[in-house]
């Protein structure tokens, strides 16, 4: 009676272990990449919200000062470069106005692992004092 494993059995076990460990490492690396992307999307959402709040604050400031037009001092377009988390985020705020409405679009863009990413938020501000 022979005891032990044949070479074929050992190669099969080594192959199964390699595939299993390799799959686990791939899954871990994809999880870390996903966490990084999610973190940067959250930062971009906060930057977009901050950009819209800046325009909203300017509108409210105009009401408090009693300026003739509620859109005085609100730029039609502005671009900021914001370095955060070893990334360079670019925030572009554009506005277009109607008689009683101001449409604010805030686009935040950045690069993640060499791929361009962006997040856009649109807000409609009204002349609430009328």
C-alpha atoms as a PDB file:
ATOM      1  CA  UNK A   1       0.000   0.000   0.000  1.00  0.00           C
ATOM      2  CA  UNK A   2       1.361   3.419  -1.052  1.00  0.00           C
ATOM      3  CA  UNK A   3       1.182   6.341   1.271  1.00  0.00           C
ATOM      4  CA  UNK A   4       1.471  10.016   0.289  1.00  0.00           C
ATOM      5  CA  UNK A   5       0.318  12.185  -2.613  1.00  0.00           C
ATOM      6  CA  UNK A   6       1.135  11.963  -6.260  1.00  0.00           C
ATOM      7  CA  UNK A   7       2.650  14.927  -8.117  1.00  0.00           C
ATOM      8  CA  UNK A   8      -0.627  15.447  -9.935  1.00  0.00           C
ATOM      9  CA  UNK A   9      -2.535  15.753  -6.648  1.00  0.00           C
ATOM     10  CA  UNK A  10       0.006  18.228  -5.287  1.00  0.00           C
ATOM     11  CA  UNK A  11      -0.168  20.369  -8.451  1.00  0.00           C
ATOM     12  CA  UNK A  12      -3.951  20.382  -8.234  1.00  0.00           C
ATOM     13  CA  UNK A  13      -3.880  21.512  -4.576  1.00  0.00           C
ATOM     14  CA  UNK A  14      -1.313  24.225  -5.358  1.00  0.00           C
ATOM     15  CA  UNK A  15      -3.463  25.438  -8.258  1.00  0.00           C
ATOM     16  CA  UNK A  16      -6.606  25.594  -6.082  1.00  0.00           C
ATOM     17  CA  UNK A  17      -4.760  27.486  -3.311  1.00  0.00           C
ATOM     18  CA  UNK A  18      -3.228  29.943  -5.788  1.00  0.00           C
ATOM     19  CA  UNK A  19      -6.583  30.707  -7.392  1.00  0.00           C
ATOM     20  CA  UNK A  20      -8.244  31.097  -3.987  1.00  0.00           C
ATOM     21  CA  UNK A  21      -5.546  33.386  -2.545  1.00  0.00           C
ATOM     22  CA  UNK A  22      -5.281  35.363  -5.792  1.00  0.00           C
ATOM     23  CA  UNK A  23      -9.044  35.892  -5.815  1.00  0.00           C
ATOM     24  CA  UNK A  24      -8.973  37.077  -2.211  1.00  0.00           C
ATOM     25  CA  UNK A  25      -6.198  39.600  -2.967  1.00  0.00           C
ATOM     26  CA  UNK A  26      -8.097  40.870  -6.012  1.00  0.00           C
ATOM     27  CA  UNK A  27     -11.264  41.291  -3.946  1.00  0.00           C
ATOM     28  CA  UNK A  28      -9.364  43.209  -1.236  1.00  0.00           C
ATOM     29  CA  UNK A  29      -7.719  45.539  -3.782  1.00  0.00           C
ATOM     30  CA  UNK A  30     -11.078  46.261  -5.467  1.00  0.00           C
ATOM     31  CA  UNK A  31     -12.619  47.021  -2.070  1.00  0.00           C
ATOM     32  CA  UNK A  32      -9.881  49.557  -1.281  1.00  0.00           C
ATOM     33  CA  UNK A  33     -10.339  51.180  -4.702  1.00  0.00           C
ATOM     34  CA  UNK A  34     -14.112  51.354  -4.167  1.00  0.00           C
ATOM     35  CA  UNK A  35     -13.658  52.976  -0.763  1.00  0.00           C
ATOM     36  CA  UNK A  36     -11.353  55.598  -2.298  1.00  0.00           C
ATOM     37  CA  UNK A  37     -13.820  56.386  -5.098  1.00  0.00           C
ATOM     38  CA  UNK A  38     -16.716  56.634  -2.639  1.00  0.00           C
ATOM     39  CA  UNK A  39     -14.740  58.934  -0.350  1.00  0.00           C
ATOM     40  CA  UNK A  40     -13.865  61.268  -3.228  1.00  0.00           C
ATOM     41  CA  UNK A  41     -17.483  61.296  -4.495  1.00  0.00           C
ATOM     42  CA  UNK A  42     -18.611  62.300  -1.017  1.00  0.00           C
ATOM     43  CA  UNK A  43     -16.015  65.103  -0.950  1.00  0.00           C
ATOM     44  CA  UNK A  44     -17.217  66.227  -4.397  1.00  0.00           C
ATOM     45  CA  UNK A  45     -20.841  66.264  -3.196  1.00  0.00           C
ATOM     46  CA  UNK A  46     -19.874  68.469  -0.255  1.00  0.00           C
ATOM     47  CA  UNK A  47     -17.905  70.816  -2.535  1.00  0.00           C
ATOM     48  CA  UNK A  48     -20.869  71.099  -4.902  1.00  0.00           C
ATOM     49  CA  UNK A  49     -23.220  71.796  -2.009  1.00  0.00           C
ATOM     50  CA  UNK A  50     -20.823  74.451  -0.702  1.00  0.00           C
ATOM     51  CA  UNK A  51     -20.715  76.137  -4.119  1.00  0.00           C
ATOM     52  CA  UNK A  52     -24.501  76.341  -4.287  1.00  0.00           C
ATOM     53  CA  UNK A  53     -24.669  77.651  -0.721  1.00  0.00           C
ATOM     54  CA  UNK A  54     -22.248  80.448  -1.664  1.00  0.00           C
ATOM     55  CA  UNK A  55     -24.650  81.621  -4.378  1.00  0.00           C
ATOM     56  CA  UNK A  56     -27.637  81.248  -2.037  1.00  0.00           C
ATOM     57  CA  UNK A  57     -25.836  83.310   0.622  1.00  0.00           C
ATOM     58  CA  UNK A  58     -25.112  86.062  -1.922  1.00  0.00           C
ATOM     59  CA  UNK A  59     -28.797  86.146  -2.883  1.00  0.00           C
ATOM     60  CA  UNK A  60     -29.835  86.393   0.780  1.00  0.00           C
ATOM     61  CA  UNK A  61     -27.204  89.081   1.403  1.00  0.00           C
ATOM     62  CA  UNK A  62     -28.718  91.109  -1.454  1.00  0.00           C
ATOM     63  CA  UNK A  63     -32.141  90.879   0.212  1.00  0.00           C
ATOM     64  CA  UNK A  64     -30.755  91.953   3.583  1.00  0.00           C
ATOM     65  CA  UNK A  65     -28.873  94.914   2.083  1.00  0.00           C
ATOM     66  CA  UNK A  66     -31.922  95.953   0.082  1.00  0.00           C
ATOM     67  CA  UNK A  67     -30.122  95.979  -3.280  1.00  0.00           C
ATOM     68  CA  UNK A  68     -32.333  96.756  -6.301  1.00  0.00           C
ATOM     69  CA  UNK A  69     -31.769  93.381  -7.936  1.00  0.00           C
ATOM     70  CA  UNK A  70     -31.693  90.129  -6.001  1.00  0.00           C
ATOM     71  CA  UNK A  71     -29.040  88.764  -8.406  1.00  0.00           C
ATOM     72  CA  UNK A  72     -26.499  91.615  -7.979  1.00  0.00           C
ATOM     73  CA  UNK A  73     -22.961  90.364  -7.517  1.00  0.00           C
ATOM     74  CA  UNK A  74     -23.760  86.785  -8.469  1.00  0.00           C
ATOM     75  CA  UNK A  75     -21.266  85.680 -11.141  1.00  0.00           C
ATOM     76  CA  UNK A  76     -22.437  83.908 -14.300  1.00  0.00           C
ATOM     77  CA  UNK A  77     -19.475  81.558 -14.128  1.00  0.00           C
ATOM     78  CA  UNK A  78     -16.675  80.805 -11.706  1.00  0.00           C
ATOM     79  CA  UNK A  79     -14.068  78.047 -11.500  1.00  0.00           C
ATOM     80  CA  UNK A  80     -12.129  77.088  -8.366  1.00  0.00           C
ATOM     81  CA  UNK A  81      -9.269  74.650  -7.933  1.00  0.00           C
ATOM     82  CA  UNK A  82      -9.428  72.917  -4.538  1.00  0.00           C
ATOM     83  CA  UNK A  83      -6.656  70.553  -3.390  1.00  0.00           C
ATOM     84  CA  UNK A  84      -7.988  67.956  -0.910  1.00  0.00           C
ATOM     85  CA  UNK A  85      -7.031  64.376   0.017  1.00  0.00           C
ATOM     86  CA  UNK A  86      -4.040  64.390  -2.370  1.00  0.00           C
ATOM     87  CA  UNK A  87      -6.467  65.172  -5.216  1.00  0.00           C
ATOM     88  CA  UNK A  88      -7.073  68.357  -7.124  1.00  0.00           C
ATOM     89  CA  UNK A  89     -10.811  68.971  -7.335  1.00  0.00           C
ATOM     90  CA  UNK A  90     -12.102  71.550  -9.812  1.00  0.00           C
ATOM     91  CA  UNK A  91     -15.422  73.223  -9.056  1.00  0.00           C
ATOM     92  CA  UNK A  92     -17.235  75.167 -11.781  1.00  0.00           C
ATOM     93  CA  UNK A  93     -20.283  77.188 -10.788  1.00  0.00           C
ATOM     94  CA  UNK A  94     -22.504  78.585 -13.554  1.00  0.00           C
ATOM     95  CA  UNK A  95     -25.691  80.575 -13.182  1.00  0.00           C
ATOM     96  CA  UNK A  96     -28.455  81.525 -15.569  1.00  0.00           C
ATOM     97  CA  UNK A  97     -31.342  83.718 -14.549  1.00  0.00           C
ATOM     98  CA  UNK A  98     -34.955  84.200 -15.461  1.00  0.00           C
ATOM     99  CA  UNK A  99     -37.101  87.001 -14.095  1.00  0.00           C
ATOM    100  CA  UNK A 100     -37.941  85.175 -10.871  1.00  0.00           C
ATOM    101  CA  UNK A 101     -35.601  82.166 -10.995  1.00  0.00           C
ATOM    102  CA  UNK A 102     -31.846  81.599 -10.802  1.00  0.00           C
ATOM    103  CA  UNK A 103     -30.579  78.223 -12.017  1.00  0.00           C
ATOM    104  CA  UNK A 104     -27.286  77.329 -10.347  1.00  0.00           C
ATOM    105  CA  UNK A 105     -25.215  74.462 -11.758  1.00  0.00           C
ATOM    106  CA  UNK A 106     -22.190  73.258  -9.828  1.00  0.00           C
ATOM    107  CA  UNK A 107     -19.897  70.683 -11.439  1.00  0.00           C
ATOM    108  CA  UNK A 108     -17.034  69.168  -9.462  1.00  0.00           C
ATOM    109  CA  UNK A 109     -14.441  67.151 -11.370  1.00  0.00           C
ATOM    110  CA  UNK A 110     -11.306  65.222 -10.408  1.00  0.00           C
ATOM    111  CA  UNK A 111      -9.143  62.304 -11.538  1.00  0.00           C
ATOM    112  CA  UNK A 112      -9.327  58.915  -9.857  1.00  0.00           C
ATOM    113  CA  UNK A 113      -6.661  56.364 -10.867  1.00  0.00           C
ATOM    114  CA  UNK A 114      -6.112  58.310 -14.092  1.00  0.00           C
ATOM    115  CA  UNK A 115      -9.805  58.302 -15.002  1.00  0.00           C
ATOM    116  CA  UNK A 116     -11.820  61.548 -15.059  1.00  0.00           C
ATOM    117  CA  UNK A 117     -14.691  61.675 -12.578  1.00  0.00           C
ATOM    118  CA  UNK A 118     -17.353  64.350 -12.152  1.00  0.00           C
ATOM    119  CA  UNK A 119     -20.442  65.165 -10.141  1.00  0.00           C
ATOM    120  CA  UNK A 120     -23.038  67.794 -11.120  1.00  0.00           C
ATOM    121  CA  UNK A 121     -25.666  69.397  -8.908  1.00  0.00           C
ATOM    122  CA  UNK A 122     -28.398  71.764 -10.159  1.00  0.00           C
ATOM    123  CA  UNK A 123     -30.378  74.049  -7.864  1.00  0.00           C
ATOM    124  CA  UNK A 124     -33.170  76.497  -8.657  1.00  0.00           C
ATOM    125  CA  UNK A 125     -33.205  79.591  -6.453  1.00  0.00           C
ATOM    126  CA  UNK A 126     -36.199  81.880  -6.480  1.00  0.00           C
ATOM    127  CA  UNK A 127     -36.835  85.499  -5.639  1.00  0.00           C
ATOM    128  CA  UNK A 128     -38.544  84.518  -2.409  1.00  0.00           C
ATOM    129  CA  UNK A 129     -38.980  88.127  -1.303  1.00  0.00           C
ATOM    130  CA  UNK A 130     -41.590  88.885  -4.006  1.00  0.00           C
END
